[in-house]
Amino acid sequence: MRHPCLSRYVPALHEDRASWKRQLRRVPARVRWDPERDPHHSPLPHRSLRLGLAGEAAARYADEWIGGIEDVTAPATEIHGLVRAGEQERATGVSREERP
């Protein structure tokens, strides 16, 4: 997180588009703010930081930083079915607890 670049050109923050593109090619991480979304994919009133990894950061993420991978297909399928059936409250109850 010490070496990110914004994922889009912002004239007020960057010298010019060419220097932003050079920086983007050099850095191992790109950041942007994206809206959070509800189960209907509608934007919520707050945003989350999205981090994109490239180069060394992507390789280290894949080889060193991942602590585990879990298949969440079954609960995602259940949530999708409940949302499509209009059972928003039940769908929210299926959501998995996030752990550090």
PDB file of N, CA and C in Angstrom:
ATOM      1  N   MET A   1       0.821  -1.204   0.000  1.00  0.00           N
ATOM      2  CA  MET A   1       0.000   0.000   0.000  1.00  0.00           C
ATOM      3  C   MET A   1       0.864   1.267   0.000  1.00  0.00           C
ATOM      4  N   ARG A   2       2.153   1.116   0.064  1.00  0.00           N
ATOM      5  CA  ARG A   2       3.016   2.301   0.011  1.00  0.00           C
ATOM      6  C   ARG A   2       3.269   2.766  -1.413  1.00  0.00           C
ATOM      7  N   HIS A   3       2.910   1.944  -2.402  1.00  0.00           N
ATOM      8  CA  HIS A   3       3.301   2.236  -3.773  1.00  0.00           C
ATOM      9  C   HIS A   3       2.137   2.226  -4.764  1.00  0.00           C
ATOM     10  N   PRO A   4       0.953   2.675  -4.399  1.00  0.00           N
ATOM     11  CA  PRO A   4      -0.149   2.586  -5.361  1.00  0.00           C
ATOM     12  C   PRO A   4      -0.195   3.791  -6.304  1.00  0.00           C
ATOM     13  N   CYS A   5      -0.988   3.621  -7.320  1.00  0.00           N
ATOM     14  CA  CYS A   5      -1.292   4.682  -8.272  1.00  0.00           C
ATOM     15  C   CYS A   5      -2.802   4.651  -8.474  1.00  0.00           C
ATOM     16  N   LEU A   6      -3.405   5.803  -8.657  1.00  0.00           N
ATOM     17  CA  LEU A   6      -4.830   5.810  -8.968  1.00  0.00           C
ATOM     18  C   LEU A   6      -5.059   5.111 -10.295  1.00  0.00           C
ATOM     19  N   SER A   7      -6.160   4.380 -10.392  1.00  0.00           N
ATOM     20  CA  SER A   7      -6.427   3.613 -11.602  1.00  0.00           C
ATOM     21  C   SER A   7      -6.934   4.488 -12.745  1.00  0.00           C
ATOM     22  N   ARG A   8      -7.194   5.753 -12.479  1.00  0.00           N
ATOM     23  CA  ARG A   8      -7.621   6.660 -13.550  1.00  0.00           C
ATOM     24  C   ARG A   8      -6.866   7.979 -13.446  1.00  0.00           C
ATOM     25  N   TYR A   9      -6.745   8.629 -14.558  1.00  0.00           N
ATOM     26  CA  TYR A   9      -6.053   9.909 -14.648  1.00  0.00           C
ATOM     27  C   TYR A   9      -6.922  11.004 -14.024  1.00  0.00           C
ATOM     28  N   VAL A  10      -6.328  11.792 -13.116  1.00  0.00           N
ATOM     29  CA  VAL A  10      -7.008  12.917 -12.483  1.00  0.00           C
ATOM     30  C   VAL A  10      -6.145  14.158 -12.720  1.00  0.00           C
ATOM     31  N   PRO A  11      -6.578  15.074 -13.581  1.00  0.00           N
ATOM     32  CA  PRO A  11      -5.752  16.235 -13.922  1.00  0.00           C
ATOM     33  C   PRO A  11      -5.254  17.027 -12.712  1.00  0.00           C
ATOM     34  N   ALA A  12      -6.053  17.146 -11.674  1.00  0.00           N
ATOM     35  CA  ALA A  12      -5.643  17.916 -10.497  1.00  0.00           C
ATOM     36  C   ALA A  12      -4.536  17.229  -9.696  1.00  0.00           C
ATOM     37  N   LEU A  13      -4.355  15.940  -9.911  1.00  0.00           N
ATOM     38  CA  LEU A  13      -3.369  15.184  -9.140  1.00  0.00           C
ATOM     39  C   LEU A  13      -2.147  14.752  -9.941  1.00  0.00           C
ATOM     40  N   HIS A  14      -2.279  14.709 -11.253  1.00  0.00           N
ATOM     41  CA  HIS A  14      -1.197  14.212 -12.092  1.00  0.00           C
ATOM     42  C   HIS A  14      -0.656  15.329 -12.982  1.00  0.00           C
ATOM     43  N   GLU A  15       0.629  15.296 -13.202  1.00  0.00           N
ATOM     44  CA  GLU A  15       1.290  16.304 -14.040  1.00  0.00           C
ATOM     45  C   GLU A  15       0.658  16.338 -15.432  1.00  0.00           C
ATOM     46  N   ASP A  16       0.530  15.173 -16.029  1.00  0.00           N
ATOM     47  CA  ASP A  16      -0.126  15.022 -17.328  1.00  0.00           C
ATOM     48  C   ASP A  16      -0.466  13.551 -17.526  1.00  0.00           C
ATOM     49  N   ARG A  17      -1.220  13.261 -18.564  1.00  0.00           N
ATOM     50  CA  ARG A  17      -1.670  11.886 -18.804  1.00  0.00           C
ATOM     51  C   ARG A  17      -0.486  10.940 -19.045  1.00  0.00           C
ATOM     52  N   ALA A  18       0.523  11.397 -19.739  1.00  0.00           N
ATOM     53  CA  ALA A  18       1.681  10.547 -20.043  1.00  0.00           C
ATOM     54  C   ALA A  18       2.427  10.160 -18.768  1.00  0.00           C
ATOM     55  N   SER A  19       2.610  11.097 -17.850  1.00  0.00           N
ATOM     56  CA  SER A  19       3.325  10.761 -16.604  1.00  0.00           C
ATOM     57  C   SER A  19       2.489   9.823 -15.739  1.00  0.00           C
ATOM     58  N   TRP A  20       1.158   9.995 -15.740  1.00  0.00           N
ATOM     59  CA  TRP A  20       0.284   9.067 -15.013  1.00  0.00           C
ATOM     60  C   TRP A  20       0.423   7.660 -15.594  1.00  0.00           C
ATOM     61  N   LYS A  21       0.429   7.532 -16.928  1.00  0.00           N
ATOM     62  CA  LYS A  21       0.568   6.215 -17.556  1.00  0.00           C
ATOM     63  C   LYS A  21       1.912   5.573 -17.227  1.00  0.00           C
ATOM     64  N   ARG A  22       2.973   6.376 -17.183  1.00  0.00           N
ATOM     65  CA  ARG A  22       4.285   5.832 -16.815  1.00  0.00           C
ATOM     66  C   ARG A  22       4.253   5.315 -15.378  1.00  0.00           C
ATOM     67  N   GLN A  23       3.654   6.100 -14.483  1.00  0.00           N
ATOM     68  CA  GLN A  23       3.550   5.681 -13.087  1.00  0.00           C
ATOM     69  C   GLN A  23       2.735   4.393 -12.976  1.00  0.00           C
ATOM     70  N   LEU A  24       1.651   4.323 -13.699  1.00  0.00           N
ATOM     71  CA  LEU A  24       0.779   3.153 -13.666  1.00  0.00           C
ATOM     72  C   LEU A  24       1.533   1.888 -14.089  1.00  0.00           C
ATOM     73  N   ARG A  25       2.415   2.004 -15.068  1.00  0.00           N
ATOM     74  CA  ARG A  25       3.205   0.850 -15.521  1.00  0.00           C
ATOM     75  C   ARG A  25       4.258   0.434 -14.495  1.00  0.00           C
ATOM     76  N   ARG A  26       4.732   1.376 -13.683  1.00  0.00           N
ATOM     77  CA  ARG A  26       5.812   1.106 -12.726  1.00  0.00           C
ATOM     78  C   ARG A  26       5.341   0.524 -11.403  1.00  0.00           C
ATOM     79  N   VAL A  27       4.179   0.898 -10.945  1.00  0.00           N
ATOM     80  CA  VAL A  27       3.762   0.564  -9.585  1.00  0.00           C
ATOM     81  C   VAL A  27       3.153  -0.834  -9.488  1.00  0.00           C
ATOM     82  N   PRO A  28       3.244  -1.462  -8.297  1.00  0.00           N
ATOM     83  CA  PRO A  28       2.689  -2.797  -8.109  1.00  0.00           C
ATOM     84  C   PRO A  28       1.214  -2.806  -7.686  1.00  0.00           C
ATOM     85  N   ALA A  29       0.630  -1.621  -7.461  1.00  0.00           N
ATOM     86  CA  ALA A  29      -0.761  -1.590  -6.997  1.00  0.00           C
ATOM     87  C   ALA A  29      -1.495  -0.387  -7.588  1.00  0.00           C
ATOM     88  N   ARG A  30      -2.776  -0.607  -7.886  1.00  0.00           N
ATOM     89  CA  ARG A  30      -3.648   0.447  -8.393  1.00  0.00           C
ATOM     90  C   ARG A  30      -4.846   0.536  -7.467  1.00  0.00           C
ATOM     91  N   VAL A  31      -5.326   1.747  -7.217  1.00  0.00           N
ATOM     92  CA  VAL A  31      -6.456   1.912  -6.310  1.00  0.00           C
ATOM     93  C   VAL A  31      -7.557   2.740  -6.956  1.00  0.00           C
ATOM     94  N   ARG A  32      -8.777   2.457  -6.512  1.00  0.00           N
ATOM     95  CA  ARG A  32      -9.932   3.269  -6.896  1.00  0.00           C
ATOM     96  C   ARG A  32     -11.027   3.039  -5.863  1.00  0.00           C
ATOM     97  N   TRP A  33     -11.962   3.959  -5.814  1.00  0.00           N
ATOM     98  CA  TRP A  33     -13.109   3.845  -4.924  1.00  0.00           C
ATOM     99  C   TRP A  33     -14.298   3.362  -5.734  1.00  0.00           C
ATOM    100  N   ASP A  34     -14.930   2.289  -5.284  1.00  0.00           N
ATOM    101  CA  ASP A  34     -16.104   1.737  -5.953  1.00  0.00           C
ATOM    102  C   ASP A  34     -17.279   1.739  -4.989  1.00  0.00           C
ATOM    103  N   PRO A  35     -18.504   1.913  -5.526  1.00  0.00           N
ATOM    104  CA  PRO A  35     -19.667   1.846  -4.640  1.00  0.00           C
ATOM    105  C   PRO A  35     -19.881   0.416  -4.148  1.00  0.00           C
ATOM    106  N   GLU A  36     -20.228   0.303  -2.889  1.00  0.00           N
ATOM    107  CA  GLU A  36     -20.674  -0.999  -2.383  1.00  0.00           C
ATOM    108  C   GLU A  36     -22.033  -1.262  -3.011  1.00  0.00           C
ATOM    109  N   ARG A  37     -22.423  -2.512  -3.094  1.00  0.00           N
ATOM    110  CA  ARG A  37     -23.702  -2.855  -3.725  1.00  0.00           C
ATOM    111  C   ARG A  37     -24.486  -3.833  -2.852  1.00  0.00           C
ATOM    112  N   ASP A  38     -25.804  -3.723  -2.945  1.00  0.00           N
ATOM    113  CA  ASP A  38     -26.663  -4.649  -2.212  1.00  0.00           C
ATOM    114  C   ASP A  38     -26.854  -5.908  -3.057  1.00  0.00           C
ATOM    115  N   PRO A  39     -27.594  -6.902  -2.539  1.00  0.00           N
ATOM    116  CA  PRO A  39     -27.768  -8.146  -3.308  1.00  0.00           C
ATOM    117  C   PRO A  39     -28.462  -7.972  -4.660  1.00  0.00           C
ATOM    118  N   HIS A  40     -29.132  -6.823  -4.875  1.00  0.00           N
ATOM    119  CA  HIS A  40     -29.759  -6.550  -6.175  1.00  0.00           C
ATOM    120  C   HIS A  40     -28.798  -5.807  -7.099  1.00  0.00           C
ATOM    121  N   HIS A  41     -27.582  -5.632  -6.643  1.00  0.00           N
ATOM    122  CA  HIS A  41     -26.522  -4.942  -7.371  1.00  0.00           C
ATOM    123  C   HIS A  41     -26.779  -3.433  -7.488  1.00  0.00           C
ATOM    124  N   SER A  42     -27.630  -2.899  -6.612  1.00  0.00           N
ATOM    125  CA  SER A  42     -27.869  -1.454  -6.575  1.00  0.00           C
ATOM    126  C   SER A  42     -26.805  -0.809  -5.703  1.00  0.00           C
ATOM    127  N   PRO A  43     -26.296   0.367  -6.107  1.00  0.00           N
ATOM    128  CA  PRO A  43     -25.258   1.031  -5.310  1.00  0.00           C
ATOM    129  C   PRO A  43     -25.769   1.413  -3.923  1.00  0.00           C
ATOM    130  N   LEU A  44     -24.931   1.243  -2.932  1.00  0.00           N
ATOM    131  CA  LEU A  44     -25.210   1.688  -1.574  1.00  0.00           C
ATOM    132  C   LEU A  44     -24.575   3.069  -1.383  1.00  0.00           C
ATOM    133  N   PRO A  45     -24.920   3.789  -0.317  1.00  0.00           N
ATOM    134  CA  PRO A  45     -24.426   5.165  -0.157  1.00  0.00           C
ATOM    135  C   PRO A  45     -22.987   5.270   0.357  1.00  0.00           C
ATOM    136  N   HIS A  46     -22.226   4.215   0.298  1.00  0.00           N
ATOM    137  CA  HIS A  46     -20.829   4.294   0.722  1.00  0.00           C
ATOM    138  C   HIS A  46     -19.957   3.534  -0.275  1.00  0.00           C
ATOM    139  N   ARG A  47     -18.679   3.828  -0.219  1.00  0.00           N
ATOM    140  CA  ARG A  47     -17.748   3.250  -1.173  1.00  0.00           C
ATOM    141  C   ARG A  47     -16.698   2.419  -0.450  1.00  0.00           C
ATOM    142  N   SER A  48     -16.081   1.536  -1.202  1.00  0.00           N
ATOM    143  CA  SER A  48     -14.990   0.716  -0.684  1.00  0.00           C
ATOM    144  C   SER A  48     -13.775   0.906  -1.583  1.00  0.00           C
ATOM    145  N   LEU A  49     -12.637   0.780  -0.984  1.00  0.00           N
ATOM    146  CA  LEU A  49     -11.396   0.869  -1.732  1.00  0.00           C
ATOM    147  C   LEU A  49     -11.191  -0.423  -2.496  1.00  0.00           C
ATOM    148  N   ARG A  50     -10.936  -0.314  -3.777  1.00  0.00           N
ATOM    149  CA  ARG A  50     -10.620  -1.490  -4.588  1.00  0.00           C
ATOM    150  C   ARG A  50      -9.140  -1.409  -4.930  1.00  0.00           C
ATOM    151  N   LEU A  51      -8.450  -2.478  -4.674  1.00  0.00           N
ATOM    152  CA  LEU A  51      -7.014  -2.542  -4.893  1.00  0.00           C
ATOM    153  C   LEU A  51      -6.717  -3.559  -5.981  1.00  0.00           C
ATOM    154  N   GLY A  52      -6.036  -3.121  -7.017  1.00  0.00           N
ATOM    155  CA  GLY A  52      -5.605  -4.018  -8.080  1.00  0.00           C
ATOM    156  C   GLY A  52      -4.112  -4.246  -7.967  1.00  0.00           C
ATOM    157  N   LEU A  53      -3.694  -5.473  -8.095  1.00  0.00           N
ATOM    158  CA  LEU A  53      -2.284  -5.808  -7.960  1.00  0.00           C
ATOM    159  C   LEU A  53      -1.682  -6.142  -9.313  1.00  0.00           C
ATOM    160  N   ALA A  54      -0.408  -5.786  -9.472  1.00  0.00           N
ATOM    161  CA  ALA A  54       0.318  -6.077 -10.709  1.00  0.00           C
ATOM    162  C   ALA A  54       1.743  -6.464 -10.351  1.00  0.00           C
ATOM    163  N   GLY A  55       2.422  -7.062 -11.291  1.00  0.00           N
ATOM    164  CA  GLY A  55       3.841  -7.355 -11.124  1.00  0.00           C
ATOM    165  C   GLY A  55       4.154  -8.134  -9.868  1.00  0.00           C
ATOM    166  N   GLU A  56       5.142  -7.642  -9.114  1.00  0.00           N
ATOM    167  CA  GLU A  56       5.605  -8.330  -7.911  1.00  0.00           C
ATOM    168  C   GLU A  56       4.484  -8.514  -6.890  1.00  0.00           C
ATOM    169  N   ALA A  57       3.641  -7.500  -6.731  1.00  0.00           N
ATOM    170  CA  ALA A  57       2.557  -7.600  -5.747  1.00  0.00           C
ATOM    171  C   ALA A  57       1.600  -8.736  -6.103  1.00  0.00           C
ATOM    172  N   ALA A  58       1.266  -8.894  -7.382  1.00  0.00           N
ATOM    173  CA  ALA A  58       0.368  -9.980  -7.800  1.00  0.00           C
ATOM    174  C   ALA A  58       1.022 -11.335  -7.551  1.00  0.00           C
ATOM    175  N   ALA A  59       2.297 -11.451  -7.876  1.00  0.00           N
ATOM    176  CA  ALA A  59       3.003 -12.721  -7.670  1.00  0.00           C
ATOM    177  C   ALA A  59       3.088 -13.060  -6.189  1.00  0.00           C
ATOM    178  N   ARG A  60       3.406 -12.076  -5.352  1.00  0.00           N
ATOM    179  CA  ARG A  60       3.517 -12.338  -3.914  1.00  0.00           C
ATOM    180  C   ARG A  60       2.153 -12.663  -3.316  1.00  0.00           C
ATOM    181  N   TYR A  61       1.108 -12.004  -3.801  1.00  0.00           N
ATOM    182  CA  TYR A  61      -0.237 -12.305  -3.324  1.00  0.00           C
ATOM    183  C   TYR A  61      -0.558 -13.777  -3.591  1.00  0.00           C
ATOM    184  N   ALA A  62      -0.309 -14.212  -4.824  1.00  0.00           N
ATOM    185  CA  ALA A  62      -0.633 -15.591  -5.202  1.00  0.00           C
ATOM    186  C   ALA A  62       0.248 -16.611  -4.486  1.00  0.00           C
ATOM    187  N   ASP A  63       1.521 -16.295  -4.298  1.00  0.00           N
ATOM    188  CA  ASP A  63       2.464 -17.279  -3.764  1.00  0.00           C
ATOM    189  C   ASP A  63       2.685 -17.213  -2.257  1.00  0.00           C
ATOM    190  N   GLU A  64       2.492 -16.039  -1.646  1.00  0.00           N
ATOM    191  CA  GLU A  64       2.847 -15.870  -0.239  1.00  0.00           C
ATOM    192  C   GLU A  64       1.698 -15.405   0.665  1.00  0.00           C
ATOM    193  N   TRP A  65       0.844 -14.516   0.173  1.00  0.00           N
ATOM    194  CA  TRP A  65      -0.081 -13.815   1.066  1.00  0.00           C
ATOM    195  C   TRP A  65      -1.425 -14.498   1.249  1.00  0.00           C
ATOM    196  N   ILE A  66      -1.796 -15.423   0.395  1.00  0.00           N
ATOM    197  CA  ILE A  66      -3.089 -16.093   0.526  1.00  0.00           C
ATOM    198  C   ILE A  66      -3.003 -17.096   1.668  1.00  0.00           C
ATOM    199  N   GLY A  67      -3.900 -16.962   2.647  1.00  0.00           N
ATOM    200  CA  GLY A  67      -3.911 -17.865   3.786  1.00  0.00           C
ATOM    201  C   GLY A  67      -4.839 -19.043   3.593  1.00  0.00           C
ATOM    202  N   GLY A  68      -5.734 -18.963   2.616  1.00  0.00           N
ATOM    203  CA  GLY A  68      -6.651 -20.061   2.352  1.00  0.00           C
ATOM    204  C   GLY A  68      -7.658 -19.659   1.292  1.00  0.00           C
ATOM    205  N   ILE A  69      -8.227 -20.650   0.668  1.00  0.00           N
ATOM    206  CA  ILE A  69      -9.256 -20.433  -0.353  1.00  0.00           C
ATOM    207  C   ILE A  69     -10.434 -21.312   0.016  1.00  0.00           C
ATOM    208  N   GLU A  70     -11.618 -20.737  -0.024  1.00  0.00           N
ATOM    209  CA  GLU A  70     -12.825 -21.456   0.369  1.00  0.00           C
ATOM    210  C   GLU A  70     -13.867 -21.337  -0.735  1.00  0.00           C
ATOM    211  N   ASP A  71     -14.482 -22.435  -1.104  1.00  0.00           N
ATOM    212  CA  ASP A  71     -15.526 -22.442  -2.125  1.00  0.00           C
ATOM    213  C   ASP A  71     -16.828 -21.943  -1.503  1.00  0.00           C
ATOM    214  N   VAL A  72     -17.339 -20.823  -1.999  1.00  0.00           N
ATOM    215  CA  VAL A  72     -18.580 -20.252  -1.474  1.00  0.00           C
ATOM    216  C   VAL A  72     -19.717 -20.328  -2.507  1.00  0.00           C
ATOM    217  N   THR A  73     -19.586 -21.261  -3.439  1.00  0.00           N
ATOM    218  CA  THR A  73     -20.592 -21.408  -4.489  1.00  0.00           C
ATOM    219  C   THR A  73     -21.971 -21.721  -3.911  1.00  0.00           C
ATOM    220  N   ALA A  74     -22.048 -22.658  -2.972  1.00  0.00           N
ATOM    221  CA  ALA A  74     -23.356 -23.068  -2.426  1.00  0.00           C
ATOM    222  C   ALA A  74     -24.082 -21.908  -1.742  1.00  0.00           C
ATOM    223  N   PRO A  75     -23.449 -21.176  -0.787  1.00  0.00           N
ATOM    224  CA  PRO A  75     -24.188 -20.068  -0.189  1.00  0.00           C
ATOM    225  C   PRO A  75     -24.494 -18.952  -1.191  1.00  0.00           C
ATOM    226  N   ALA A  76     -23.605 -18.702  -2.156  1.00  0.00           N
ATOM    227  CA  ALA A  76     -23.870 -17.670  -3.157  1.00  0.00           C
ATOM    228  C   ALA A  76     -25.086 -18.047  -4.007  1.00  0.00           C
ATOM    229  N   THR A  77     -25.188 -19.317  -4.355  1.00  0.00           N
ATOM    230  CA  THR A  77     -26.334 -19.795  -5.128  1.00  0.00           C
ATOM    231  C   THR A  77     -27.616 -19.661  -4.318  1.00  0.00           C
ATOM    232  N   GLU A  78     -27.530 -19.985  -3.029  1.00  0.00           N
ATOM    233  CA  GLU A  78     -28.711 -19.851  -2.156  1.00  0.00           C
ATOM    234  C   GLU A  78     -29.136 -18.394  -2.042  1.00  0.00           C
ATOM    235  N   ILE A  79     -28.186 -17.511  -1.827  1.00  0.00           N
ATOM    236  CA  ILE A  79     -28.492 -16.076  -1.720  1.00  0.00           C
ATOM    237  C   ILE A  79     -29.127 -15.580  -3.011  1.00  0.00           C
ATOM    238  N   HIS A  80     -28.572 -15.965  -4.139  1.00  0.00           N
ATOM    239  CA  HIS A  80     -29.112 -15.540  -5.430  1.00  0.00           C
ATOM    240  C   HIS A  80     -30.572 -15.987  -5.581  1.00  0.00           C
ATOM    241  N   GLY A  81     -30.862 -17.230  -5.229  1.00  0.00           N
ATOM    242  CA  GLY A  81     -32.232 -17.734  -5.324  1.00  0.00           C
ATOM    243  C   GLY A  81     -33.182 -16.973  -4.418  1.00  0.00           C
ATOM    244  N   LEU A  82     -32.747 -16.672  -3.203  1.00  0.00           N
ATOM    245  CA  LEU A  82     -33.598 -15.927  -2.266  1.00  0.00           C
ATOM    246  C   LEU A  82     -33.849 -14.504  -2.754  1.00  0.00           C
ATOM    247  N   VAL A  83     -32.815 -13.851  -3.283  1.00  0.00           N
ATOM    248  CA  VAL A  83     -32.989 -12.494  -3.809  1.00  0.00           C
ATOM    249  C   VAL A  83     -33.960 -12.503  -4.982  1.00  0.00           C
ATOM    250  N   ARG A  84     -33.793 -13.455  -5.879  1.00  0.00           N
ATOM    251  CA  ARG A  84     -34.704 -13.546  -7.036  1.00  0.00           C
ATOM    252  C   ARG A  84     -36.139 -13.824  -6.593  1.00  0.00           C
ATOM    253  N   ALA A  85     -36.299 -14.513  -5.467  1.00  0.00           N
ATOM    254  CA  ALA A  85     -37.641 -14.826  -4.956  1.00  0.00           C
ATOM    255  C   ALA A  85     -38.209 -13.687  -4.113  1.00  0.00           C
ATOM    256  N   GLY A  86     -37.449 -12.595  -3.974  1.00  0.00           N
ATOM    257  CA  GLY A  86     -37.932 -11.453  -3.205  1.00  0.00           C
ATOM    258  C   GLY A  86     -37.777 -11.616  -1.705  1.00  0.00           C
ATOM    259  N   GLU A  87     -36.958 -12.553  -1.278  1.00  0.00           N
ATOM    260  CA  GLU A  87     -36.770 -12.803   0.150  1.00  0.00           C
ATOM    261  C   GLU A  87     -35.450 -12.189   0.623  1.00  0.00           C
ATOM    262  N   GLN A  88     -35.408 -10.863   0.538  1.00  0.00           N
ATOM    263  CA  GLN A  88     -34.192 -10.112   0.853  1.00  0.00           C
ATOM    264  C   GLN A  88     -33.690 -10.372   2.269  1.00  0.00           C
ATOM    265  N   GLU A  89     -34.594 -10.368   3.229  1.00  0.00           N
ATOM    266  CA  GLU A  89     -34.182 -10.544   4.627  1.00  0.00           C
ATOM    267  C   GLU A  89     -33.542 -11.921   4.848  1.00  0.00           C
ATOM    268  N   ARG A  90     -34.147 -12.948   4.289  1.00  0.00           N
ATOM    269  CA  ARG A  90     -33.550 -14.290   4.411  1.00  0.00           C
ATOM    270  C   ARG A  90     -32.204 -14.365   3.697  1.00  0.00           C
ATOM    271  N   ALA A  91     -32.094 -13.682   2.548  1.00  0.00           N
ATOM    272  CA  ALA A  91     -30.832 -13.681   1.794  1.00  0.00           C
ATOM    273  C   ALA A  91     -29.725 -13.032   2.618  1.00  0.00           C
ATOM    274  N   THR A  92     -30.037 -11.953   3.302  1.00  0.00           N
ATOM    275  CA  THR A  92     -29.045 -11.277   4.143  1.00  0.00           C
ATOM    276  C   THR A  92     -28.596 -12.186   5.282  1.00  0.00           C
ATOM    277  N   GLY A  93     -29.508 -13.006   5.786  1.00  0.00           N
ATOM    278  CA  GLY A  93     -29.173 -13.919   6.866  1.00  0.00           C
ATOM    279  C   GLY A  93     -28.216 -15.029   6.447  1.00  0.00           C
ATOM    280  N   VAL A  94     -28.169 -15.324   5.159  1.00  0.00           N
ATOM    281  CA  VAL A  94     -27.277 -16.371   4.659  1.00  0.00           C
ATOM    282  C   VAL A  94     -25.856 -15.853   4.509  1.00  0.00           C
ATOM    283  N   SER A  95     -25.715 -14.547   4.418  1.00  0.00           N
ATOM    284  CA  SER A  95     -24.379 -13.959   4.200  1.00  0.00           C
ATOM    285  C   SER A  95     -23.369 -14.529   5.171  1.00  0.00           C
ATOM    286  N   ARG A  96     -22.191 -14.797   4.659  1.00  0.00           N
ATOM    287  CA  ARG A  96     -21.131 -15.404   5.452  1.00  0.00           C
ATOM    288  C   ARG A  96     -20.433 -14.359   6.290  1.00  0.00           C
ATOM    289  N   GLU A  97     -20.022 -14.762   7.469  1.00  0.00           N
ATOM    290  CA  GLU A  97     -19.264 -13.878   8.347  1.00  0.00           C
ATOM    291  C   GLU A  97     -17.846 -13.768   7.799  1.00  0.00           C
ATOM    292  N   GLU A  98     -17.359 -12.537   7.672  1.00  0.00           N
ATOM    293  CA  GLU A  98     -15.985 -12.346   7.211  1.00  0.00           C
ATOM    294  C   GLU A  98     -15.040 -12.474   8.384  1.00  0.00           C
ATOM    295  N   ARG A  99     -13.930 -13.149   8.126  1.00  0.00           N
ATOM    296  CA  ARG A  99     -12.911 -13.342   9.167  1.00  0.00           C
ATOM    297  C   ARG A  99     -11.607 -12.715   8.700  1.00  0.00           C
ATOM    298  N   PRO A 100     -10.808 -12.228   9.653  1.00  0.00           N
ATOM    299  CA  PRO A 100      -9.497 -11.683   9.252  1.00  0.00           C
ATOM    300  C   PRO A 100      -8.601 -12.778   8.698  1.00  0.00           C
TER     301      PRO A 100
END
